[in-house]
PDB file of N, CA and C in Angstrom:
ATOM      1  N   MET A   1     211.701  41.746  70.173  1.00  0.00           N
ATOM      2  CA  MET A   1     210.773  42.272  71.148  1.00  0.00           C
ATOM      3  C   MET A   1     210.603  41.302  72.304  1.00  0.00           C
ATOM      4  N   ASN A   2     210.813  40.032  72.083  1.00  0.00           N
ATOM      5  CA  ASN A   2     210.590  39.057  73.139  1.00  0.00           C
ATOM      6  C   ASN A   2     211.445  39.332  74.366  1.00  0.00           C
ATOM      7  N   ASP A   3     212.738  39.685  74.194  1.00  0.00           N
ATOM      8  CA  ASP A   3     213.586  39.971  75.343  1.00  0.00           C
ATOM      9  C   ASP A   3     213.071  41.178  76.113  1.00  0.00           C
ATOM     10  N   PHE A   4     212.634  42.190  75.408  1.00  0.00           N
ATOM     11  CA  PHE A   4     212.115  43.404  76.030  1.00  0.00           C
ATOM     12  C   PHE A   4     210.894  43.072  76.880  1.00  0.00           C
ATOM     13  N   VAL A   5     209.964  42.311  76.328  1.00  0.00           N
ATOM     14  CA  VAL A   5     208.756  41.921  77.045  1.00  0.00           C
ATOM     15  C   VAL A   5     209.101  40.922  78.147  1.00  0.00           C
ATOM     16  N   SER A   6     209.946  39.970  77.849  1.00  0.00           N
ATOM     17  CA  SER A   6     210.309  38.943  78.828  1.00  0.00           C
ATOM     18  C   SER A   6     210.947  39.544  80.075  1.00  0.00           C
ATOM     19  N   ASN A   7     211.769  40.552  79.924  1.00  0.00           N
ATOM     20  CA  ASN A   7     212.404  41.170  81.081  1.00  0.00           C
ATOM     21  C   ASN A   7     211.373  41.735  82.047  1.00  0.00           C
ATOM     22  N   LEU A   8     210.365  42.435  81.534  1.00  0.00           N
ATOM     23  CA  LEU A   8     209.329  42.981  82.406  1.00  0.00           C
ATOM     24  C   LEU A   8     208.511  41.858  83.028  1.00  0.00           C
ATOM     25  N   GLU A   9     208.206  40.841  82.246  1.00  0.00           N
ATOM     26  CA  GLU A   9     207.430  39.719  82.777  1.00  0.00           C
ATOM     27  C   GLU A   9     208.172  39.035  83.917  1.00  0.00           C
ATOM     28  N   GLU A  10     209.456  38.809  83.761  1.00  0.00           N
ATOM     29  CA  GLU A  10     210.244  38.170  84.820  1.00  0.00           C
ATOM     30  C   GLU A  10     210.280  39.030  86.070  1.00  0.00           C
ATOM     31  N   GLU A  11     210.462  40.321  85.893  1.00  0.00           N
ATOM     32  CA  GLU A  11     210.534  41.237  87.030  1.00  0.00           C
ATOM     33  C   GLU A  11     209.217  41.287  87.797  1.00  0.00           C
ATOM     34  N   THR A  12     208.110  41.180  87.108  1.00  0.00           N
ATOM     35  CA  THR A  12     206.822  41.354  87.763  1.00  0.00           C
ATOM     36  C   THR A  12     206.190  40.043  88.229  1.00  0.00           C
ATOM     37  N   LEU A  13     206.646  38.917  87.731  1.00  0.00           N
ATOM     38  CA  LEU A  13     206.028  37.642  88.087  1.00  0.00           C
ATOM     39  C   LEU A  13     206.165  37.341  89.579  1.00  0.00           C
ATOM     40  N   GLU A  14     207.328  37.582  90.140  1.00  0.00           N
ATOM     41  CA  GLU A  14     207.537  37.351  91.571  1.00  0.00           C
ATOM     42  C   GLU A  14     206.604  38.232  92.397  1.00  0.00           C
ATOM     43  N   ALA A  15     206.525  39.507  92.061  1.00  0.00           N
ATOM     44  CA  ALA A  15     205.629  40.416  92.781  1.00  0.00           C
ATOM     45  C   ALA A  15     204.179  39.962  92.643  1.00  0.00           C
ATOM     46  N   PHE A  16     203.807  39.503  91.468  1.00  0.00           N
ATOM     47  CA  PHE A  16     202.441  39.025  91.241  1.00  0.00           C
ATOM     48  C   PHE A  16     202.126  37.869  92.180  1.00  0.00           C
ATOM     49  N   HIS A  17     203.014  36.895  92.248  1.00  0.00           N
ATOM     50  CA  HIS A  17     202.779  35.737  93.113  1.00  0.00           C
ATOM     51  C   HIS A  17     202.688  36.156  94.581  1.00  0.00           C
ATOM     52  N   GLN A  18     203.550  37.039  95.015  1.00  0.00           N
ATOM     53  CA  GLN A  18     203.532  37.476  96.411  1.00  0.00           C
ATOM     54  C   GLN A  18     202.273  38.260  96.745  1.00  0.00           C
ATOM     55  N   LEU A  19     201.855  39.144  95.856  1.00  0.00           N
ATOM     56  CA  LEU A  19     200.705  40.000  96.139  1.00  0.00           C
ATOM     57  C   LEU A  19     199.360  39.302  95.974  1.00  0.00           C
ATOM     58  N   PHE A  20     199.263  38.427  94.989  1.00  0.00           N
ATOM     59  CA  PHE A  20     197.937  37.924  94.640  1.00  0.00           C
ATOM     60  C   PHE A  20     197.714  36.443  94.869  1.00  0.00           C
ATOM     61  N   LEU A  21     198.769  35.668  95.029  1.00  0.00           N
ATOM     62  CA  LEU A  21     198.574  34.232  95.202  1.00  0.00           C
ATOM     63  C   LEU A  21     199.033  33.724  96.564  1.00  0.00           C
ATOM     64  N   ALA A  22     199.895  34.470  97.243  1.00  0.00           N
ATOM     65  CA  ALA A  22     200.365  34.040  98.566  1.00  0.00           C
ATOM     66  C   ALA A  22     199.180  33.950  99.520  1.00  0.00           C
ATOM     67  N   GLY A  23     199.131  32.860 100.252  1.00  0.00           N
ATOM     68  CA  GLY A  23     198.061  32.680 101.224  1.00  0.00           C
ATOM     69  C   GLY A  23     196.754  32.179 100.640  1.00  0.00           C
ATOM     70  N   THR A  24     196.738  31.899  99.351  1.00  0.00           N
ATOM     71  CA  THR A  24     195.522  31.353  98.746  1.00  0.00           C
ATOM     72  C   THR A  24     195.706  29.858  98.563  1.00  0.00           C
ATOM     73  N   ASP A  25     194.614  29.184  98.303  1.00  0.00           N
ATOM     74  CA  ASP A  25     194.683  27.737  98.102  1.00  0.00           C
ATOM     75  C   ASP A  25     194.861  27.379  96.633  1.00  0.00           C
ATOM     76  N   THR A  26     195.178  28.354  95.829  1.00  0.00           N
ATOM     77  CA  THR A  26     195.359  28.086  94.399  1.00  0.00           C
ATOM     78  C   THR A  26     196.605  28.779  93.870  1.00  0.00           C
ATOM     79  N   ASN A  27     197.207  28.191  92.891  1.00  0.00           N
ATOM     80  CA  ASN A  27     198.291  28.820  92.152  1.00  0.00           C
ATOM     81  C   ASN A  27     197.825  29.017  90.718  1.00  0.00           C
ATOM     82  N   ASN A  28     196.530  28.930  90.545  1.00  0.00           N
ATOM     83  CA  ASN A  28     195.907  28.984  89.237  1.00  0.00           C
ATOM     84  C   ASN A  28     195.534  30.434  88.919  1.00  0.00           C
ATOM     85  N   PHE A  29     196.168  31.000  87.898  1.00  0.00           N
ATOM     86  CA  PHE A  29     195.837  32.371  87.516  1.00  0.00           C
ATOM     87  C   PHE A  29     195.713  32.471  86.001  1.00  0.00           C
ATOM     88  N   ALA A  30     194.978  33.478  85.567  1.00  0.00           N
ATOM     89  CA  ALA A  30     194.786  33.726  84.140  1.00  0.00           C
ATOM     90  C   ALA A  30     195.686  34.885  83.727  1.00  0.00           C
ATOM     91  N   GLU A  31     196.118  34.858  82.476  1.00  0.00           N
ATOM     92  CA  GLU A  31     196.895  35.964  81.927  1.00  0.00           C
ATOM     93  C   GLU A  31     196.143  36.545  80.737  1.00  0.00           C
ATOM     94  N   VAL A  32     195.941  37.857  80.776  1.00  0.00           N
ATOM     95  CA  VAL A  32     195.315  38.577  79.669  1.00  0.00           C
ATOM     96  C   VAL A  32     196.399  39.490  79.113  1.00  0.00           C
ATOM     97  N   TYR A  33     196.776  39.250  77.866  1.00  0.00           N
ATOM     98  CA  TYR A  33     197.871  40.040  77.305  1.00  0.00           C
ATOM     99  C   TYR A  33     197.403  41.352  76.690  1.00  0.00           C
ATOM    100  N   TYR A  34     196.386  41.313  75.923  1.00  0.00           N
ATOM    101  CA  TYR A  34     195.904  42.538  75.290  1.00  0.00           C
ATOM    102  C   TYR A  34     194.396  42.467  75.126  1.00  0.00           C
ATOM    103  N   SER A  35     193.766  43.597  75.317  1.00  0.00           N
ATOM    104  CA  SER A  35     192.351  43.728  74.997  1.00  0.00           C
ATOM    105  C   SER A  35     192.217  45.054  74.248  1.00  0.00           C
ATOM    106  N   SER A  36     191.305  45.092  73.328  1.00  0.00           N
ATOM    107  CA  SER A  36     191.207  46.289  72.501  1.00  0.00           C
ATOM    108  C   SER A  36     189.775  46.519  72.051  1.00  0.00           C
ATOM    109  N   VAL A  37     189.446  47.779  71.903  1.00  0.00           N
ATOM    110  CA  VAL A  37     188.156  48.192  71.354  1.00  0.00           C
ATOM    111  C   VAL A  37     188.463  49.050  70.128  1.00  0.00           C
ATOM    112  N   ASP A  38     187.761  48.793  69.062  1.00  0.00           N
ATOM    113  CA  ASP A  38     187.921  49.571  67.836  1.00  0.00           C
ATOM    114  C   ASP A  38     187.814  51.062  68.163  1.00  0.00           C
ATOM    115  N   ARG A  39     188.681  51.860  67.577  1.00  0.00           N
ATOM    116  CA  ARG A  39     188.713  53.304  67.843  1.00  0.00           C
ATOM    117  C   ARG A  39     187.348  53.970  67.676  1.00  0.00           C
ATOM    118  N   ARG A  40     186.571  53.499  66.732  1.00  0.00           N
ATOM    119  CA  ARG A  40     185.257  54.112  66.483  1.00  0.00           C
ATOM    120  C   ARG A  40     184.281  53.895  67.632  1.00  0.00           C
ATOM    121  N   HIS A  41     184.578  52.942  68.504  1.00  0.00           N
ATOM    122  CA  HIS A  41     183.648  52.603  69.583  1.00  0.00           C
ATOM    123  C   HIS A  41     184.224  52.858  70.981  1.00  0.00           C
ATOM    124  N   ARG A  42     185.377  53.491  71.043  1.00  0.00           N
ATOM    125  CA  ARG A  42     185.982  53.791  72.333  1.00  0.00           C
ATOM    126  C   ARG A  42     185.216  54.899  73.046  1.00  0.00           C
ATOM    127  N   GLY A  43     185.325  54.890  74.359  1.00  0.00           N
ATOM    128  CA  GLY A  43     184.654  55.921  75.153  1.00  0.00           C
ATOM    129  C   GLY A  43     183.215  55.592  75.488  1.00  0.00           C
ATOM    130  N   ASN A  44     182.776  54.391  75.141  1.00  0.00           N
ATOM    131  CA  ASN A  44     181.396  53.978  75.410  1.00  0.00           C
ATOM    132  C   ASN A  44     181.289  52.937  76.512  1.00  0.00           C
ATOM    133  N   GLY A  45     182.388  52.667  77.208  1.00  0.00           N
ATOM    134  CA  GLY A  45     182.355  51.720  78.310  1.00  0.00           C
ATOM    135  C   GLY A  45     182.513  50.262  77.923  1.00  0.00           C
ATOM    136  N   LEU A  46     182.866  49.995  76.658  1.00  0.00           N
ATOM    137  CA  LEU A  46     182.971  48.604  76.213  1.00  0.00           C
ATOM    138  C   LEU A  46     184.115  47.856  76.895  1.00  0.00           C
ATOM    139  N   CYS A  47     185.258  48.494  77.033  1.00  0.00           N
ATOM    140  CA  CYS A  47     186.398  47.839  77.681  1.00  0.00           C
ATOM    141  C   CYS A  47     186.073  47.556  79.150  1.00  0.00           C
ATOM    142  N   THR A  48     185.503  48.519  79.824  1.00  0.00           N
ATOM    143  CA  THR A  48     185.103  48.312  81.217  1.00  0.00           C
ATOM    144  C   THR A  48     184.136  47.145  81.331  1.00  0.00           C
ATOM    145  N   GLU A  49     183.177  47.085  80.445  1.00  0.00           N
ATOM    146  CA  GLU A  49     182.195  46.001  80.475  1.00  0.00           C
ATOM    147  C   GLU A  49     182.845  44.649  80.191  1.00  0.00           C
ATOM    148  N   MET A  50     183.804  44.616  79.271  1.00  0.00           N
ATOM    149  CA  MET A  50     184.503  43.353  79.004  1.00  0.00           C
ATOM    150  C   MET A  50     185.175  42.839  80.275  1.00  0.00           C
ATOM    151  N   TYR A  51     185.841  43.728  81.002  1.00  0.00           N
ATOM    152  CA  TYR A  51     186.507  43.309  82.236  1.00  0.00           C
ATOM    153  C   TYR A  51     185.499  42.957  83.322  1.00  0.00           C
ATOM    154  N   ARG A  52     184.422  43.721  83.440  1.00  0.00           N
ATOM    155  CA  ARG A  52     183.409  43.423  84.462  1.00  0.00           C
ATOM    156  C   ARG A  52     182.796  42.044  84.251  1.00  0.00           C
ATOM    157  N   ARG A  53     182.712  41.621  83.028  1.00  0.00           N
ATOM    158  CA  ARG A  53     182.176  40.283  82.742  1.00  0.00           C
ATOM    159  C   ARG A  53     183.253  39.203  82.858  1.00  0.00           C
ATOM    160  N   THR A  54     184.473  39.552  82.489  1.00  0.00           N
ATOM    161  CA  THR A  54     185.562  38.577  82.486  1.00  0.00           C
ATOM    162  C   THR A  54     185.984  38.177  83.893  1.00  0.00           C
ATOM    163  N   LEU A  55     186.082  39.133  84.810  1.00  0.00           N
ATOM    164  CA  LEU A  55     186.568  38.835  86.152  1.00  0.00           C
ATOM    165  C   LEU A  55     185.709  37.783  86.855  1.00  0.00           C
ATOM    166  N   PRO A  56     184.379  37.938  86.937  1.00  0.00           N
ATOM    167  CA  PRO A  56     183.589  36.899  87.603  1.00  0.00           C
ATOM    168  C   PRO A  56     183.584  35.575  86.839  1.00  0.00           C
ATOM    169  N   PHE A  57     183.670  35.645  85.512  1.00  0.00           N
ATOM    170  CA  PHE A  57     183.707  34.415  84.724  1.00  0.00           C
ATOM    171  C   PHE A  57     184.957  33.608  85.070  1.00  0.00           C
ATOM    172  N   LEU A  58     186.119  34.270  85.091  1.00  0.00           N
ATOM    173  CA  LEU A  58     187.360  33.569  85.408  1.00  0.00           C
ATOM    174  C   LEU A  58     187.356  33.048  86.846  1.00  0.00           C
ATOM    175  N   LYS A  59     186.790  33.817  87.750  1.00  0.00           N
ATOM    176  CA  LYS A  59     186.680  33.346  89.140  1.00  0.00           C
ATOM    177  C   LYS A  59     185.820  32.087  89.205  1.00  0.00           C
ATOM    178  N   SER A  60     184.727  32.075  88.446  1.00  0.00           N
ATOM    179  CA  SER A  60     183.843  30.904  88.454  1.00  0.00           C
ATOM    180  C   SER A  60     184.522  29.672  87.878  1.00  0.00           C
ATOM    181  N   LYS A  61     185.565  29.868  87.096  1.00  0.00           N
ATOM    182  CA  LYS A  61     186.317  28.759  86.508  1.00  0.00           C
ATOM    183  C   LYS A  61     187.491  28.326  87.384  1.00  0.00           C
ATOM    184  N   GLY A  62     187.608  28.912  88.574  1.00  0.00           N
ATOM    185  CA  GLY A  62     188.625  28.476  89.519  1.00  0.00           C
ATOM    186  C   GLY A  62     189.909  29.271  89.526  1.00  0.00           C
ATOM    187  N   PHE A  63     189.971  30.357  88.796  1.00  0.00           N
ATOM    188  CA  PHE A  63     191.181  31.184  88.805  1.00  0.00           C
ATOM    189  C   PHE A  63     191.205  32.045  90.057  1.00  0.00           C
ATOM    190  N   GLY A  64     192.383  32.170  90.663  1.00  0.00           N
ATOM    191  CA  GLY A  64     192.520  32.948  91.887  1.00  0.00           C
ATOM    192  C   GLY A  64     192.939  34.392  91.659  1.00  0.00           C
ATOM    193  N   ALA A  65     193.476  34.668  90.486  1.00  0.00           N
ATOM    194  CA  ALA A  65     193.965  36.012  90.182  1.00  0.00           C
ATOM    195  C   ALA A  65     194.119  36.160  88.673  1.00  0.00           C
ATOM    196  N   ILE A  66     194.290  37.406  88.256  1.00  0.00           N
ATOM    197  CA  ILE A  66     194.533  37.702  86.840  1.00  0.00           C
ATOM    198  C   ILE A  66     195.771  38.578  86.754  1.00  0.00           C
ATOM    199  N   ARG A  67     196.624  38.228  85.830  1.00  0.00           N
ATOM    200  CA  ARG A  67     197.781  39.049  85.477  1.00  0.00           C
ATOM    201  C   ARG A  67     197.474  39.624  84.106  1.00  0.00           C
ATOM    202  N   ASN A  68     197.607  40.926  83.957  1.00  0.00           N
ATOM    203  CA  ASN A  68     197.156  41.597  82.747  1.00  0.00           C
ATOM    204  C   ASN A  68     198.222  42.542  82.220  1.00  0.00           C
ATOM    205  N   THR A  69     198.293  42.666  80.903  1.00  0.00           N
ATOM    206  CA  THR A  69     199.133  43.667  80.267  1.00  0.00           C
ATOM    207  C   THR A  69     198.222  44.737  79.686  1.00  0.00           C
ATOM    208  N   PHE A  70     198.351  45.949  80.201  1.00  0.00           N
ATOM    209  CA  PHE A  70     197.600  47.089  79.670  1.00  0.00           C
ATOM    210  C   PHE A  70     198.526  47.857  78.737  1.00  0.00           C
ATOM    211  N   THR A  71     198.005  48.240  77.570  1.00  0.00           N
ATOM    212  CA  THR A  71     198.850  48.903  76.577  1.00  0.00           C
ATOM    213  C   THR A  71     198.419  50.333  76.269  1.00  0.00           C
ATOM    214  N   ASP A  72     197.464  50.841  77.020  1.00  0.00           N
ATOM    215  CA  ASP A  72     196.947  52.180  76.767  1.00  0.00           C
ATOM    216  C   ASP A  72     196.658  52.839  78.113  1.00  0.00           C
ATOM    217  N   PRO A  73     197.003  54.106  78.281  1.00  0.00           N
ATOM    218  CA  PRO A  73     196.724  54.775  79.556  1.00  0.00           C
ATOM    219  C   PRO A  73     195.255  54.702  79.978  1.00  0.00           C
ATOM    220  N   ALA A  74     194.337  54.742  79.032  1.00  0.00           N
ATOM    221  CA  ALA A  74     192.916  54.660  79.373  1.00  0.00           C
ATOM    222  C   ALA A  74     192.575  53.296  79.971  1.00  0.00           C
ATOM    223  N   THR A  75     193.188  52.229  79.462  1.00  0.00           N
ATOM    224  CA  THR A  75     192.896  50.911  80.017  1.00  0.00           C
ATOM    225  C   THR A  75     193.551  50.732  81.382  1.00  0.00           C
ATOM    226  N   VAL A  76     194.660  51.419  81.632  1.00  0.00           N
ATOM    227  CA  VAL A  76     195.271  51.380  82.962  1.00  0.00           C
ATOM    228  C   VAL A  76     194.286  51.958  83.983  1.00  0.00           C
ATOM    229  N   VAL A  77     193.644  53.055  83.640  1.00  0.00           N
ATOM    230  CA  VAL A  77     192.660  53.687  84.529  1.00  0.00           C
ATOM    231  C   VAL A  77     191.492  52.733  84.775  1.00  0.00           C
ATOM    232  N   ILE A  78     191.017  52.088  83.736  1.00  0.00           N
ATOM    233  CA  ILE A  78     189.929  51.112  83.883  1.00  0.00           C
ATOM    234  C   ILE A  78     190.367  49.986  84.820  1.00  0.00           C
ATOM    235  N   GLY A  79     191.578  49.484  84.597  1.00  0.00           N
ATOM    236  CA  GLY A  79     192.089  48.425  85.452  1.00  0.00           C
ATOM    237  C   GLY A  79     192.164  48.844  86.909  1.00  0.00           C
ATOM    238  N   GLU A  80     192.640  50.047  87.161  1.00  0.00           N
ATOM    239  CA  GLU A  80     192.730  50.540  88.536  1.00  0.00           C
ATOM    240  C   GLU A  80     191.352  50.606  89.187  1.00  0.00           C
ATOM    241  N   LYS A  81     190.357  51.050  88.447  1.00  0.00           N
ATOM    242  CA  LYS A  81     188.991  51.124  88.977  1.00  0.00           C
ATOM    243  C   LYS A  81     188.442  49.736  89.330  1.00  0.00           C
ATOM    244  N   LEU A  82     188.944  48.718  88.648  1.00  0.00           N
ATOM    245  CA  LEU A  82     188.482  47.351  88.895  1.00  0.00           C
ATOM    246  C   LEU A  82     189.384  46.606  89.878  1.00  0.00           C
ATOM    247  N   GLY A  83     190.346  47.306  90.460  1.00  0.00           N
ATOM    248  CA  GLY A  83     191.178  46.719  91.497  1.00  0.00           C
ATOM    249  C   GLY A  83     192.542  46.227  91.063  1.00  0.00           C
ATOM    250  N   PHE A  84     192.901  46.387  89.795  1.00  0.00           N
ATOM    251  CA  PHE A  84     194.223  45.969  89.342  1.00  0.00           C
ATOM    252  C   PHE A  84     195.292  46.857  89.973  1.00  0.00           C
ATOM    253  N   VAL A  85     196.403  46.247  90.334  1.00  0.00           N
ATOM    254  CA  VAL A  85     197.538  46.945  90.928  1.00  0.00           C
ATOM    255  C   VAL A  85     198.708  46.856  89.958  1.00  0.00           C
ATOM    256  N   GLU A  86     199.333  47.995  89.691  1.00  0.00           N
ATOM    257  CA  GLU A  86     200.482  48.014  88.777  1.00  0.00           C
ATOM    258  C   GLU A  86     201.667  47.283  89.398  1.00  0.00           C
ATOM    259  N   LEU A  87     202.257  46.396  88.605  1.00  0.00           N
ATOM    260  CA  LEU A  87     203.429  45.631  89.037  1.00  0.00           C
ATOM    261  C   LEU A  87     204.701  46.128  88.370  1.00  0.00           C
ATOM    262  N   GLY A  88     204.562  46.717  87.202  1.00  0.00           N
ATOM    263  CA  GLY A  88     205.721  47.207  86.472  1.00  0.00           C
ATOM    264  C   GLY A  88     205.300  47.877  85.183  1.00  0.00           C
ATOM    265  N   LYS A  89     206.194  48.684  84.645  1.00  0.00           N
ATOM    266  CA  LYS A  89     205.897  49.440  83.426  1.00  0.00           C
ATOM    267  C   LYS A  89     207.127  49.433  82.541  1.00  0.00           C
ATOM    268  N   ALA A  90     206.916  49.330  81.235  1.00  0.00           N
ATOM    269  CA  ALA A  90     208.022  49.410  80.278  1.00  0.00           C
ATOM    270  C   ALA A  90     207.652  50.416  79.193  1.00  0.00           C
ATOM    271  N   TYR A  91     208.540  51.373  78.978  1.00  0.00           N
ATOM    272  CA  TYR A  91     208.310  52.378  77.942  1.00  0.00           C
ATOM    273  C   TYR A  91     208.796  51.835  76.606  1.00  0.00           C
ATOM    274  N   LEU A  92     207.969  51.974  75.597  1.00  0.00           N
ATOM    275  CA  LEU A  92     208.317  51.454  74.277  1.00  0.00           C
ATOM    276  C   LEU A  92     209.594  52.081  73.740  1.00  0.00           C
ATOM    277  N   ARG A  93     209.842  53.335  74.069  1.00  0.00           N
ATOM    278  CA  ARG A  93     211.057  54.011  73.578  1.00  0.00           C
ATOM    279  C   ARG A  93     212.330  53.329  74.067  1.00  0.00           C
ATOM    280  N   ASP A  94     212.227  52.573  75.180  1.00  0.00           N
ATOM    281  CA  ASP A  94     213.390  51.899  75.750  1.00  0.00           C
ATOM    282  C   ASP A  94     213.593  50.496  75.199  1.00  0.00           C
ATOM    283  N   GLY A  95     212.643  49.998  74.436  1.00  0.00           N
ATOM    284  CA  GLY A  95     212.734  48.630  73.926  1.00  0.00           C
ATOM    285  C   GLY A  95     213.825  48.468  72.879  1.00  0.00           C
ATOM    286  N   LYS A  96     214.682  47.468  73.081  1.00  0.00           N
ATOM    287  CA  LYS A  96     215.763  47.175  72.135  1.00  0.00           C
ATOM    288  C   LYS A  96     215.780  45.680  71.856  1.00  0.00           C
ATOM    289  N   ASP A  97     216.230  45.331  70.669  1.00  0.00           N
ATOM    290  CA  ASP A  97     216.350  43.912  70.330  1.00  0.00           C
ATOM    291  C   ASP A  97     217.687  43.378  70.844  1.00  0.00           C
ATOM    292  N   ALA A  98     217.968  42.135  70.535  1.00  0.00           N
ATOM    293  CA  ALA A  98     219.185  41.479  71.014  1.00  0.00           C
ATOM    294  C   ALA A  98     220.462  42.157  70.518  1.00  0.00           C
ATOM    295  N   HIS A  99     220.355  42.960  69.447  1.00  0.00           N
ATOM    296  CA  HIS A  99     221.515  43.647  68.878  1.00  0.00           C
ATOM    297  C   HIS A  99     221.613  45.099  69.344  1.00  0.00           C
ATOM    298  N   GLY A 100     220.723  45.497  70.248  1.00  0.00           N
ATOM    299  CA  GLY A 100     220.744  46.858  70.766  1.00  0.00           C
ATOM    300  C   GLY A 100     220.005  47.873  69.912  1.00  0.00           C
ATOM    301  N   MET A 101     219.330  47.403  68.869  1.00  0.00           N
ATOM    302  CA  MET A 101     218.566  48.318  68.008  1.00  0.00           C
ATOM    303  C   MET A 101     217.225  48.632  68.653  1.00  0.00           C
ATOM    304  N   LYS A 102     216.817  49.896  68.567  1.00  0.00           N
ATOM    305  CA  LYS A 102     215.536  50.291  69.135  1.00  0.00           C
ATOM    306  C   LYS A 102     214.399  49.605  68.382  1.00  0.00           C
ATOM    307  N   LEU A 103     213.459  49.051  69.153  1.00  0.00           N
ATOM    308  CA  LEU A 103     212.308  48.384  68.553  1.00  0.00           C
ATOM    309  C   LEU A 103     211.250  49.374  68.096  1.00  0.00           C
ATOM    310  N   PHE A 104     211.112  50.464  68.847  1.00  0.00           N
ATOM    311  CA  PHE A 104     210.084  51.459  68.556  1.00  0.00           C
ATOM    312  C   PHE A 104     210.709  52.850  68.544  1.00  0.00           C
ATOM    313  N   PRO A 105     211.505  53.161  67.527  1.00  0.00           N
ATOM    314  CA  PRO A 105     212.257  54.424  67.530  1.00  0.00           C
ATOM    315  C   PRO A 105     211.376  55.672  67.534  1.00  0.00           C
ATOM    316  N   ALA A 106     210.156  55.580  67.069  1.00  0.00           N
ATOM    317  CA  ALA A 106     209.281  56.747  67.029  1.00  0.00           C
ATOM    318  C   ALA A 106     208.366  56.844  68.249  1.00  0.00           C
ATOM    319  N   ALA A 107     208.520  55.952  69.209  1.00  0.00           N
ATOM    320  CA  ALA A 107     207.639  55.942  70.379  1.00  0.00           C
ATOM    321  C   ALA A 107     207.840  57.184  71.226  1.00  0.00           C
ATOM    322  N   GLY A 108     206.743  57.708  71.721  1.00  0.00           N
ATOM    323  CA  GLY A 108     206.782  58.899  72.556  1.00  0.00           C
ATOM    324  C   GLY A 108     206.849  58.559  74.036  1.00  0.00           C
ATOM    325  N   ASP A 109     206.890  59.609  74.852  1.00  0.00           N
ATOM    326  CA  ASP A 109     207.027  59.451  76.300  1.00  0.00           C
ATOM    327  C   ASP A 109     205.809  58.810  76.962  1.00  0.00           C
ATOM    328  N   LYS A 110     204.664  58.861  76.302  1.00  0.00           N
ATOM    329  CA  LYS A 110     203.450  58.313  76.904  1.00  0.00           C
ATOM    330  C   LYS A 110     203.073  56.952  76.335  1.00  0.00           C
ATOM    331  N   GLU A 111     203.972  56.340  75.602  1.00  0.00           N
ATOM    332  CA  GLU A 111     203.698  55.030  75.010  1.00  0.00           C
ATOM    333  C   GLU A 111     204.425  53.958  75.812  1.00  0.00           C
ATOM    334  N   TYR A 112     203.654  53.140  76.495  1.00  0.00           N
ATOM    335  CA  TYR A 112     204.202  52.116  77.361  1.00  0.00           C
ATOM    336  C   TYR A 112     203.191  51.004  77.533  1.00  0.00           C
ATOM    337  N   PHE A 113     203.639  49.936  78.152  1.00  0.00           N
ATOM    338  CA  PHE A 113     202.684  48.933  78.586  1.00  0.00           C
ATOM    339  C   PHE A 113     202.947  48.642  80.046  1.00  0.00           C
ATOM    340  N   THR A 114     201.891  48.256  80.726  1.00  0.00           N
ATOM    341  CA  THR A 114     201.924  48.057  82.162  1.00  0.00           C
ATOM    342  C   THR A 114     201.504  46.637  82.497  1.00  0.00           C
ATOM    343  N   GLU A 115     202.263  45.990  83.355  1.00  0.00           N
ATOM    344  CA  GLU A 115     201.881  44.690  83.906  1.00  0.00           C
ATOM    345  C   GLU A 115     201.132  44.979  85.200  1.00  0.00           C
ATOM    346  N   ALA A 116     199.983  44.352  85.386  1.00  0.00           N
ATOM    347  CA  ALA A 116     199.173  44.574  86.580  1.00  0.00           C
ATOM    348  C   ALA A 116     198.505  43.273  86.989  1.00  0.00           C
ATOM    349  N   GLY A 117     198.019  43.238  88.219  1.00  0.00           N
ATOM    350  CA  GLY A 117     197.348  42.040  88.692  1.00  0.00           C
ATOM    351  C   GLY A 117     196.196  42.374  89.613  1.00  0.00           C
ATOM    352  N   VAL A 118     195.295  41.405  89.766  1.00  0.00           N
ATOM    353  CA  VAL A 118     194.167  41.551  90.690  1.00  0.00           C
ATOM    354  C   VAL A 118     193.814  40.176  91.233  1.00  0.00           C
ATOM    355  N   ARG A 119     193.505  40.121  92.505  1.00  0.00           N
ATOM    356  CA  ARG A 119     193.034  38.873  93.104  1.00  0.00           C
ATOM    357  C   ARG A 119     191.531  38.801  92.897  1.00  0.00           C
ATOM    358  N   LEU A 120     191.068  37.620  92.551  1.00  0.00           N
ATOM    359  CA  LEU A 120     189.631  37.435  92.304  1.00  0.00           C
ATOM    360  C   LEU A 120     188.914  37.012  93.572  1.00  0.00           C
TER     361      LEU A 120
END
């Protein structure tokens, strides 16, 4: 899985730097790989609240931007509302290991993860 994830990360890192760090006085950014809310508590605004609290906290610590991996369409929508911009997307059905074997053979068309960023 590392090659599959690494390819998207490499492709989006340049865009991230150009969009969110160019022209700033910092090259300091935070990376959030995954955030999750227990299924029993979804739909209550917990994920949105986590991000609303995290963004100003990271800014107060000197970070100039955040690079985030969203793994659910609902979290992509939350990210967009908070100013995150999509940098790239990888569908799980396309993921293959170093030997060409599918990593997620049962993955559907709506299963993907998205790399996104926001300037603080």
